[in-house]
């Protein structure tokens, strides 16, 4: 019986307050922001032009992917319904043309995403590499301490 009371008291002591869990925030670094949405990390680093360029280029590429996919599918359905050789050849060539364009824009979108990640990595690495940091420490009643650090 005492064992169960100790176990119960131990489990109550380890329970977390729901307010403590709600107060925890998910903090995204600039690199993880750019991993999710190209340009977001650059915007958070106050590099607005780069951020807008990466974001708009990625959105444009995704738009073109869906656009060419739709056109390719349209011509493919016309190809399947064609009843003469000239239309079959024409619609098949158009299907292949738009499929190739879609694939090129898929490669472009992946390249923009990769270049975006390399760019934000270089920004963050250079930001952390050369850093001037001033710390103020208080040691209770003993006094105040200032520390100046420069990393390169």
Foldseek 3Di string as FASTA:
>chain_A
DVVVVVVVVVVVVPDDDPVVVVPDDDDDALLRLLLVAQLSSCVVVVVNVNSVVLRVLLVVLVVLLVVLVVQLVVLVVQLVVDDDDVSVVVSVVSNVVSVVSNVVSVVVNVVSSVVSSVVSVVVVCVDVQWDWDWDWDDDPPPDIDIDIDTHD
